[in-house]
Amino acid sequence: YGMSETCGGCVYDGIPLDGVQLTSLDGRLRIGGTVLAEG
């Protein structure tokens, strides 16, 4: 699971890659970590 904004897949079989954080804010997933795009 991932997208261009996270350099592609950042969750493998439900487990975030090292250095990747995910939270659910009001049901919406948000992703943090060094894999994030600059914008």
ModelCIF file with pLDDT and N, C-alpha, C, O atoms, coordinates in Angstrom:
data_MODEL
#
_entry.id   MODEL 
#
_entity.id                         1 
_entity.type                       polymer 
_entity.pdbx_number_of_molecules   1 
#
_entity_poly.entity_id                      1 
_entity_poly.type                           'polypeptide(L)' 
_entity_poly.nstd_linkage                   no 
_entity_poly.nstd_monomer                   no 
_entity_poly.pdbx_seq_one_letter_code       YGMSETCGGCVYDGIPLDGVQLTSLDGRLRIGGTVLAEG 
_entity_poly.pdbx_seq_one_letter_code_can   YGMSETCGGCVYDGIPLDGVQLTSLDGRLRIGGTVLAEG 
_entity_poly.pdbx_strand_id                 A 
#
loop_
_entity_poly_seq.entity_id 
_entity_poly_seq.num 
_entity_poly_seq.mon_id 
_entity_poly_seq.hetero 
1 1  TYR n 
1 2  GLY n 
1 3  MET n 
1 4  SER n 
1 5  GLU n 
1 6  THR n 
1 7  CYS n 
1 8  GLY n 
1 9  GLY n 
1 10 CYS n 
1 11 VAL n 
1 12 TYR n 
1 13 ASP n 
1 14 GLY n 
1 15 ILE n 
1 16 PRO n 
1 17 LEU n 
1 18 ASP n 
1 19 GLY n 
1 20 VAL n 
1 21 GLN n 
1 22 LEU n 
1 23 THR n 
1 24 SER n 
1 25 LEU n 
1 26 ASP n 
1 27 GLY n 
1 28 ARG n 
1 29 LEU n 
1 30 ARG n 
1 31 ILE n 
1 32 GLY n 
1 33 GLY n 
1 34 THR n 
1 35 VAL n 
1 36 LEU n 
1 37 ALA n 
1 38 GLU n 
1 39 GLY n 
#
_struct_asym.id          A 
_struct_asym.entity_id   1 
#
loop_
_ma_qa_metric.id 
_ma_qa_metric.mode 
_ma_qa_metric.name 
_ma_qa_metric.software_group_id 
_ma_qa_metric.type 
1 global pLDDT . pLDDT 
2 local  pLDDT . pLDDT 
#
_ma_qa_metric_global.metric_id      1 
_ma_qa_metric_global.metric_value   95.64 
_ma_qa_metric_global.model_id       1 
_ma_qa_metric_global.ordinal_id     1 
#
loop_
_ma_qa_metric_local.label_asym_id 
_ma_qa_metric_local.label_comp_id 
_ma_qa_metric_local.label_seq_id 
_ma_qa_metric_local.metric_id 
_ma_qa_metric_local.metric_value 
_ma_qa_metric_local.model_id 
_ma_qa_metric_local.ordinal_id 
A TYR 1  2 96.00 1 1  
A GLY 2  2 96.00 1 2  
A MET 3  2 94.00 1 3  
A SER 4  2 95.00 1 4  
A GLU 5  2 97.00 1 5  
A THR 6  2 98.00 1 6  
A CYS 7  2 97.00 1 7  
A GLY 8  2 96.00 1 8  
A GLY 9  2 96.00 1 9  
A CYS 10 2 98.00 1 10 
A VAL 11 2 98.00 1 11 
A TYR 12 2 98.00 1 12 
A ASP 13 2 96.00 1 13 
A GLY 14 2 96.00 1 14 
A ILE 15 2 97.00 1 15 
A PRO 16 2 98.00 1 16 
A LEU 17 2 98.00 1 17 
A ASP 18 2 96.00 1 18 
A GLY 19 2 95.00 1 19 
A VAL 20 2 97.00 1 20 
A GLN 21 2 96.00 1 21 
A LEU 22 2 96.00 1 22 
A THR 23 2 95.00 1 23 
A SER 24 2 93.00 1 24 
A LEU 25 2 89.00 1 25 
A ASP 26 2 86.00 1 26 
A GLY 27 2 86.00 1 27 
A ARG 28 2 92.00 1 28 
A LEU 29 2 96.00 1 29 
A ARG 30 2 97.00 1 30 
A ILE 31 2 98.00 1 31 
A GLY 32 2 97.00 1 32 
A GLY 33 2 97.00 1 33 
A THR 34 2 96.00 1 34 
A VAL 35 2 98.00 1 35 
A LEU 36 2 98.00 1 36 
A ALA 37 2 97.00 1 37 
A GLU 38 2 96.00 1 38 
A GLY 39 2 95.00 1 39 
#
loop_
_atom_site.group_PDB 
_atom_site.id 
_atom_site.type_symbol 
_atom_site.label_atom_id 
_atom_site.label_alt_id 
_atom_site.label_comp_id 
_atom_site.label_asym_id 
_atom_site.label_entity_id 
_atom_site.label_seq_id 
_atom_site.pdbx_PDB_ins_code 
_atom_site.Cartn_x 
_atom_site.Cartn_y 
_atom_site.Cartn_z 
_atom_site.occupancy 
_atom_site.B_iso_or_equiv 
_atom_site.pdbx_formal_charge 
_atom_site.auth_seq_id 
_atom_site.auth_comp_id 
_atom_site.auth_asym_id 
_atom_site.auth_atom_id 
_atom_site.pdbx_PDB_model_num 
ATOM 1   N N  . TYR A 1 1  ? 0.860   -1.190 0.000  1.00 96.00 ? 1  TYR A N  1 
ATOM 2   C CA . TYR A 1 1  ? 0.000   0.000  0.000  1.00 96.00 ? 1  TYR A CA 1 
ATOM 3   C C  . TYR A 1 1  ? 0.892   1.235  0.000  1.00 96.00 ? 1  TYR A C  1 
ATOM 4   O O  . TYR A 1 1  ? 1.837   1.334  0.783  1.00 96.00 ? 1  TYR A O  1 
ATOM 5   N N  . GLY A 1 2  ? 0.587   2.149  -0.866 1.00 96.00 ? 2  GLY A N  1 
ATOM 6   C CA . GLY A 1 2  ? 1.342   3.392  -0.941 1.00 96.00 ? 2  GLY A CA 1 
ATOM 7   C C  . GLY A 1 2  ? 0.931   4.172  -2.176 1.00 96.00 ? 2  GLY A C  1 
ATOM 8   O O  . GLY A 1 2  ? -0.004  3.789  -2.879 1.00 96.00 ? 2  GLY A O  1 
ATOM 9   N N  . MET A 1 3  ? 1.626   5.256  -2.436 1.00 94.00 ? 3  MET A N  1 
ATOM 10  C CA . MET A 1 3  ? 1.294   6.117  -3.563 1.00 94.00 ? 3  MET A CA 1 
ATOM 11  C C  . MET A 1 3  ? 2.527   6.911  -3.963 1.00 94.00 ? 3  MET A C  1 
ATOM 12  O O  . MET A 1 3  ? 3.576   6.803  -3.328 1.00 94.00 ? 3  MET A O  1 
ATOM 13  N N  . SER A 1 4  ? 2.401   7.701  -5.006 1.00 95.00 ? 4  SER A N  1 
ATOM 14  C CA . SER A 1 4  ? 3.549   8.503  -5.452 1.00 95.00 ? 4  SER A CA 1 
ATOM 15  C C  . SER A 1 4  ? 4.069   9.381  -4.327 1.00 95.00 ? 4  SER A C  1 
ATOM 16  O O  . SER A 1 4  ? 5.278   9.583  -4.204 1.00 95.00 ? 4  SER A O  1 
ATOM 17  N N  . GLU A 1 5  ? 3.174   9.901  -3.512 1.00 97.00 ? 5  GLU A N  1 
ATOM 18  C CA . GLU A 1 5  ? 3.548   10.815 -2.438 1.00 97.00 ? 5  GLU A CA 1 
ATOM 19  C C  . GLU A 1 5  ? 4.348   10.141 -1.329 1.00 97.00 ? 5  GLU A C  1 
ATOM 20  O O  . GLU A 1 5  ? 4.915   10.822 -0.475 1.00 97.00 ? 5  GLU A O  1 
ATOM 21  N N  . THR A 1 6  ? 4.400   8.803  -1.332 1.00 98.00 ? 6  THR A N  1 
ATOM 22  C CA . THR A 1 6  ? 5.190   8.064  -0.332 1.00 98.00 ? 6  THR A CA 1 
ATOM 23  C C  . THR A 1 6  ? 6.287   7.235  -0.997 1.00 98.00 ? 6  THR A C  1 
ATOM 24  O O  . THR A 1 6  ? 6.733   6.232  -0.441 1.00 98.00 ? 6  THR A O  1 
ATOM 25  N N  . CYS A 1 7  ? 6.720   7.653  -2.184 1.00 97.00 ? 7  CYS A N  1 
ATOM 26  C CA . CYS A 1 7  ? 7.727   6.902  -2.954 1.00 97.00 ? 7  CYS A CA 1 
ATOM 27  C C  . CYS A 1 7  ? 7.251   5.490  -3.255 1.00 97.00 ? 7  CYS A C  1 
ATOM 28  O O  . CYS A 1 7  ? 8.053   4.558  -3.297 1.00 97.00 ? 7  CYS A O  1 
ATOM 29  N N  . GLY A 1 8  ? 5.950   5.329  -3.463 1.00 96.00 ? 8  GLY A N  1 
ATOM 30  C CA . GLY A 1 8  ? 5.395   4.014  -3.752 1.00 96.00 ? 8  GLY A CA 1 
ATOM 31  C C  . GLY A 1 8  ? 5.014   3.288  -2.479 1.00 96.00 ? 8  GLY A C  1 
ATOM 32  O O  . GLY A 1 8  ? 4.695   3.918  -1.470 1.00 96.00 ? 8  GLY A O  1 
ATOM 33  N N  . GLY A 1 9  ? 5.045   1.962  -2.521 1.00 96.00 ? 9  GLY A N  1 
ATOM 34  C CA . GLY A 1 9  ? 4.599   1.154  -1.391 1.00 96.00 ? 9  GLY A CA 1 
ATOM 35  C C  . GLY A 1 9  ? 5.371   1.451  -0.122 1.00 96.00 ? 9  GLY A C  1 
ATOM 36  O O  . GLY A 1 9  ? 6.601   1.422  -0.113 1.00 96.00 ? 9  GLY A O  1 
ATOM 37  N N  . CYS A 1 10 ? 4.645   1.738  0.951  1.00 98.00 ? 10 CYS A N  1 
ATOM 38  C CA . CYS A 1 10 ? 5.276   2.012  2.245  1.00 98.00 ? 10 CYS A CA 1 
ATOM 39  C C  . CYS A 1 10 ? 4.696   1.131  3.344  1.00 98.00 ? 10 CYS A C  1 
ATOM 40  O O  . CYS A 1 10 ? 5.118   1.213  4.498  1.00 98.00 ? 10 CYS A O  1 
ATOM 41  N N  . VAL A 1 11 ? 3.722   0.284  2.985  1.00 98.00 ? 11 VAL A N  1 
ATOM 42  C CA . VAL A 1 11 ? 3.154   -0.707 3.904  1.00 98.00 ? 11 VAL A CA 1 
ATOM 43  C C  . VAL A 1 11 ? 3.164   -2.040 3.179  1.00 98.00 ? 11 VAL A C  1 
ATOM 44  O O  . VAL A 1 11 ? 2.589   -2.166 2.097  1.00 98.00 ? 11 VAL A O  1 
ATOM 45  N N  . TYR A 1 12 ? 3.822   -3.050 3.773  1.00 98.00 ? 12 TYR A N  1 
ATOM 46  C CA . TYR A 1 12 ? 3.941   -4.374 3.165  1.00 98.00 ? 12 TYR A CA 1 
ATOM 47  C C  . TYR A 1 12 ? 3.199   -5.396 4.015  1.00 98.00 ? 12 TYR A C  1 
ATOM 48  O O  . TYR A 1 12 ? 3.529   -5.610 5.181  1.00 98.00 ? 12 TYR A O  1 
ATOM 49  N N  . ASP A 1 13 ? 2.196   -6.021 3.415  1.00 96.00 ? 13 ASP A N  1 
ATOM 50  C CA . ASP A 1 13 ? 1.360   -6.994 4.146  1.00 96.00 ? 13 ASP A CA 1 
ATOM 51  C C  . ASP A 1 13 ? 0.876   -6.415 5.471  1.00 96.00 ? 13 ASP A C  1 
ATOM 52  O O  . ASP A 1 13 ? 0.875   -7.098 6.496  1.00 96.00 ? 13 ASP A O  1 
ATOM 53  N N  . GLY A 1 14 ? 0.464   -5.148 5.438  1.00 96.00 ? 14 GLY A N  1 
ATOM 54  C CA . GLY A 1 14 ? -0.105  -4.503 6.612  1.00 96.00 ? 14 GLY A CA 1 
ATOM 55  C C  . GLY A 1 14 ? 0.898   -3.915 7.577  1.00 96.00 ? 14 GLY A C  1 
ATOM 56  O O  . GLY A 1 14 ? 0.506   -3.282 8.557  1.00 96.00 ? 14 GLY A O  1 
ATOM 57  N N  . ILE A 1 15 ? 2.197   -4.108 7.327  1.00 97.00 ? 15 ILE A N  1 
ATOM 58  C CA . ILE A 1 15 ? 3.231   -3.622 8.233  1.00 97.00 ? 15 ILE A CA 1 
ATOM 59  C C  . ILE A 1 15 ? 3.967   -2.447 7.588  1.00 97.00 ? 15 ILE A C  1 
ATOM 60  O O  . ILE A 1 15 ? 4.519   -2.599 6.498  1.00 97.00 ? 15 ILE A O  1 
ATOM 61  N N  . PRO A 1 16 ? 3.988   -1.271 8.242  1.00 98.00 ? 16 PRO A N  1 
ATOM 62  C CA . PRO A 1 16 ? 4.727   -0.130 7.666  1.00 98.00 ? 16 PRO A CA 1 
ATOM 63  C C  . PRO A 1 16 ? 6.222   -0.433 7.563  1.00 98.00 ? 16 PRO A C  1 
ATOM 64  O O  . PRO A 1 16 ? 6.780   -1.135 8.406  1.00 98.00 ? 16 PRO A O  1 
ATOM 65  N N  . LEU A 1 17 ? 6.860   0.099  6.529  1.00 98.00 ? 17 LEU A N  1 
ATOM 66  C CA . LEU A 1 17 ? 8.302   -0.024 6.407  1.00 98.00 ? 17 LEU A CA 1 
ATOM 67  C C  . LEU A 1 17 ? 8.982   0.693  7.564  1.00 98.00 ? 17 LEU A C  1 
ATOM 68  O O  . LEU A 1 17 ? 8.387   1.568  8.195  1.00 98.00 ? 17 LEU A O  1 
ATOM 69  N N  . ASP A 1 18 ? 10.226  0.323  7.841  1.00 96.00 ? 18 ASP A N  1 
ATOM 70  C CA . ASP A 1 18 ? 10.996  0.996  8.883  1.00 96.00 ? 18 ASP A CA 1 
ATOM 71  C C  . ASP A 1 18 ? 11.007  2.506  8.624  1.00 96.00 ? 18 ASP A C  1 
ATOM 72  O O  . ASP A 1 18 ? 11.266  2.955  7.508  1.00 96.00 ? 18 ASP A O  1 
ATOM 73  N N  . GLY A 1 19 ? 10.720  3.279  9.678  1.00 95.00 ? 19 GLY A N  1 
ATOM 74  C CA . GLY A 1 19 ? 10.735  4.727  9.549  1.00 95.00 ? 19 GLY A CA 1 
ATOM 75  C C  . GLY A 1 19 ? 9.434   5.329  9.068  1.00 95.00 ? 19 GLY A C  1 
ATOM 76  O O  . GLY A 1 19 ? 9.322   6.550  8.959  1.00 95.00 ? 19 GLY A O  1 
ATOM 77  N N  . VAL A 1 20 ? 8.442   4.492  8.778  1.00 97.00 ? 20 VAL A N  1 
ATOM 78  C CA . VAL A 1 20 ? 7.134   4.968  8.302  1.00 97.00 ? 20 VAL A CA 1 
ATOM 79  C C  . VAL A 1 20 ? 6.127   4.873  9.444  1.00 97.00 ? 20 VAL A C  1 
ATOM 80  O O  . VAL A 1 20 ? 6.058   3.861  10.140 1.00 97.00 ? 20 VAL A O  1 
ATOM 81  N N  . GLN A 1 21 ? 5.352   5.930  9.627  1.00 96.00 ? 21 GLN A N  1 
ATOM 82  C CA . GLN A 1 21 ? 4.311   5.945  10.650 1.00 96.00 ? 21 GLN A CA 1 
ATOM 83  C C  . GLN A 1 21 ? 2.950   6.173  9.989  1.00 96.00 ? 21 GLN A C  1 
ATOM 84  O O  . GLN A 1 21 ? 2.834   6.969  9.057  1.00 96.00 ? 21 GLN A O  1 
ATOM 85  N N  . LEU A 1 22 ? 1.941   5.484  10.467 1.00 96.00 ? 22 LEU A N  1 
ATOM 86  C CA . LEU A 1 22 ? 0.572   5.705  10.007 1.00 96.00 ? 22 LEU A CA 1 
ATOM 87  C C  . LEU A 1 22 ? -0.339  5.923  11.189 1.00 96.00 ? 22 LEU A C  1 
ATOM 88  O O  . LEU A 1 22 ? -0.206  5.263  12.219 1.00 96.00 ? 22 LEU A O  1 
ATOM 89  N N  . THR A 1 23 ? -1.269  6.854  11.039 1.00 95.00 ? 23 THR A N  1 
ATOM 90  C CA . THR A 1 23 ? -2.319  7.058  12.023 1.00 95.00 ? 23 THR A CA 1 
ATOM 91  C C  . THR A 1 23 ? -3.635  7.191  11.271 1.00 95.00 ? 23 THR A C  1 
ATOM 92  O O  . THR A 1 23 ? -3.655  7.423  10.062 1.00 95.00 ? 23 THR A O  1 
ATOM 93  N N  . SER A 1 24 ? -4.722  7.041  11.998 1.00 93.00 ? 24 SER A N  1 
ATOM 94  C CA . SER A 1 24 ? -6.048  7.228  11.424 1.00 93.00 ? 24 SER A CA 1 
ATOM 95  C C  . SER A 1 24 ? -6.688  8.418  12.122 1.00 93.00 ? 24 SER A C  1 
ATOM 96  O O  . SER A 1 24 ? -6.931  8.377  13.328 1.00 93.00 ? 24 SER A O  1 
ATOM 97  N N  . LEU A 1 25 ? -6.959  9.466  11.377 1.00 89.00 ? 25 LEU A N  1 
ATOM 98  C CA . LEU A 1 25 ? -7.543  10.690 11.920 1.00 89.00 ? 25 LEU A CA 1 
ATOM 99  C C  . LEU A 1 25 ? -8.963  10.812 11.402 1.00 89.00 ? 25 LEU A C  1 
ATOM 100 O O  . LEU A 1 25 ? -9.185  11.092 10.224 1.00 89.00 ? 25 LEU A O  1 
ATOM 101 N N  . ASP A 1 26 ? -9.931  10.600 12.300 1.00 86.00 ? 26 ASP A N  1 
ATOM 102 C CA . ASP A 1 26 ? -11.349 10.607 11.912 1.00 86.00 ? 26 ASP A CA 1 
ATOM 103 C C  . ASP A 1 26 ? -11.606 9.632  10.766 1.00 86.00 ? 26 ASP A C  1 
ATOM 104 O O  . ASP A 1 26 ? -12.396 9.911  9.864  1.00 86.00 ? 26 ASP A O  1 
ATOM 105 N N  . GLY A 1 27 ? -10.929 8.485  10.813 1.00 86.00 ? 27 GLY A N  1 
ATOM 106 C CA . GLY A 1 27 ? -11.130 7.468  9.797  1.00 86.00 ? 27 GLY A CA 1 
ATOM 107 C C  . GLY A 1 27 ? -10.256 7.620  8.566  1.00 86.00 ? 27 GLY A C  1 
ATOM 108 O O  . GLY A 1 27 ? -10.214 6.720  7.728  1.00 86.00 ? 27 GLY A O  1 
ATOM 109 N N  . ARG A 1 28 ? -9.553  8.748  8.437  1.00 92.00 ? 28 ARG A N  1 
ATOM 110 C CA . ARG A 1 28 ? -8.687  8.982  7.282  1.00 92.00 ? 28 ARG A CA 1 
ATOM 111 C C  . ARG A 1 28 ? -7.257  8.602  7.631  1.00 92.00 ? 28 ARG A C  1 
ATOM 112 O O  . ARG A 1 28 ? -6.730  9.033  8.656  1.00 92.00 ? 28 ARG A O  1 
ATOM 113 N N  . LEU A 1 29 ? -6.627  7.794  6.779  1.00 96.00 ? 29 LEU A N  1 
ATOM 114 C CA . LEU A 1 29 ? -5.237  7.423  7.003  1.00 96.00 ? 29 LEU A CA 1 
ATOM 115 C C  . LEU A 1 29 ? -4.319  8.594  6.669  1.00 96.00 ? 29 LEU A C  1 
ATOM 116 O O  . LEU A 1 29 ? -4.504  9.280  5.664  1.00 96.00 ? 29 LEU A O  1 
ATOM 117 N N  . ARG A 1 30 ? -3.324  8.811  7.533  1.00 97.00 ? 30 ARG A N  1 
ATOM 118 C CA . ARG A 1 30 ? -2.276  9.773  7.221  1.00 97.00 ? 30 ARG A CA 1 
ATOM 119 C C  . ARG A 1 30 ? -0.936  9.090  7.472  1.00 97.00 ? 30 ARG A C  1 
ATOM 120 O O  . ARG A 1 30 ? -0.801  8.248  8.359  1.00 97.00 ? 30 ARG A O  1 
ATOM 121 N N  . ILE A 1 31 ? 0.045   9.476  6.667  1.00 98.00 ? 31 ILE A N  1 
ATOM 122 C CA . ILE A 1 31 ? 1.322   8.779  6.645  1.00 98.00 ? 31 ILE A CA 1 
ATOM 123 C C  . ILE A 1 31 ? 2.444   9.760  6.938  1.00 98.00 ? 31 ILE A C  1 
ATOM 124 O O  . ILE A 1 31 ? 2.476   10.860 6.385  1.00 98.00 ? 31 ILE A O  1 
ATOM 125 N N  . GLY A 1 32 ? 3.366   9.364  7.808  1.00 97.00 ? 32 GLY A N  1 
ATOM 126 C CA . GLY A 1 32 ? 4.532   10.177 8.123  1.00 97.00 ? 32 GLY A CA 1 
ATOM 127 C C  . GLY A 1 32 ? 5.801   9.380  7.923  1.00 97.00 ? 32 GLY A C  1 
ATOM 128 O O  . GLY A 1 32 ? 5.769   8.156  7.793  1.00 97.00 ? 32 GLY A O  1 
ATOM 129 N N  . GLY A 1 33 ? 6.939   10.100 7.899  1.00 97.00 ? 33 GLY A N  1 
ATOM 130 C CA . GLY A 1 33 ? 8.219   9.413  7.761  1.00 97.00 ? 33 GLY A CA 1 
ATOM 131 C C  . GLY A 1 33 ? 9.064   10.010 6.658  1.00 97.00 ? 33 GLY A C  1 
ATOM 132 O O  . GLY A 1 33 ? 8.619   10.901 5.934  1.00 97.00 ? 33 GLY A O  1 
ATOM 133 N N  . THR A 1 34 ? 10.274  9.521  6.531  1.00 96.00 ? 34 THR A N  1 
ATOM 134 C CA . THR A 1 34 ? 11.225  10.085 5.571  1.00 96.00 ? 34 THR A CA 1 
ATOM 135 C C  . THR A 1 34 ? 10.886  9.742  4.126  1.00 96.00 ? 34 THR A C  1 
ATOM 136 O O  . THR A 1 34 ? 11.499  10.295 3.213  1.00 96.00 ? 34 THR A O  1 
ATOM 137 N N  . VAL A 1 35 ? 9.929   8.845  3.890  1.00 98.00 ? 35 VAL A N  1 
ATOM 138 C CA . VAL A 1 35 ? 9.566   8.499  2.520  1.00 98.00 ? 35 VAL A CA 1 
ATOM 139 C C  . VAL A 1 35 ? 8.651   9.535  1.874  1.00 98.00 ? 35 VAL A C  1 
ATOM 140 O O  . VAL A 1 35 ? 8.336   9.417  0.690  1.00 98.00 ? 35 VAL A O  1 
ATOM 141 N N  . LEU A 1 36 ? 8.220   10.540 2.619  1.00 98.00 ? 36 LEU A N  1 
ATOM 142 C CA . LEU A 1 36 ? 7.259   11.503 2.081  1.00 98.00 ? 36 LEU A CA 1 
ATOM 143 C C  . LEU A 1 36 ? 7.871   12.396 1.012  1.00 98.00 ? 36 LEU A C  1 
ATOM 144 O O  . LEU A 1 36 ? 9.031   12.799 1.103  1.00 98.00 ? 36 LEU A O  1 
ATOM 145 N N  . ALA A 1 37 ? 7.062   12.696 -0.009 1.00 97.00 ? 37 ALA A N  1 
ATOM 146 C CA . ALA A 1 37 ? 7.453   13.639 -1.046 1.00 97.00 ? 37 ALA A CA 1 
ATOM 147 C C  . ALA A 1 37 ? 7.578   15.041 -0.459 1.00 97.00 ? 37 ALA A C  1 
ATOM 148 O O  . ALA A 1 37 ? 7.087   15.321 0.635  1.00 97.00 ? 37 ALA A O  1 
ATOM 149 N N  . GLU A 1 38 ? 8.237   15.901 -1.203 1.00 96.00 ? 38 GLU A N  1 
ATOM 150 C CA . GLU A 1 38 ? 8.395   17.294 -0.776 1.00 96.00 ? 38 GLU A CA 1 
ATOM 151 C C  . GLU A 1 38 ? 7.182   18.141 -1.111 1.00 96.00 ? 38 GLU A C  1 
ATOM 152 O O  . GLU A 1 38 ? 7.087   19.286 -0.669 1.00 96.00 ? 38 GLU A O  1 
ATOM 153 N N  . GLY A 1 39 ? 6.252   17.595 -1.885 1.00 95.00 ? 39 GLY A N  1 
ATOM 154 C CA . GLY A 1 39 ? 5.062   18.332 -2.282 1.00 95.00 ? 39 GLY A CA 1 
ATOM 155 C C  . GLY A 1 39 ? 4.841   18.201 -3.775 1.00 95.00 ? 39 GLY A C  1 
ATOM 156 O O  . GLY A 1 39 ? 3.880   18.756 -4.308 1.00 95.00 ? 39 GLY A O  1 
#
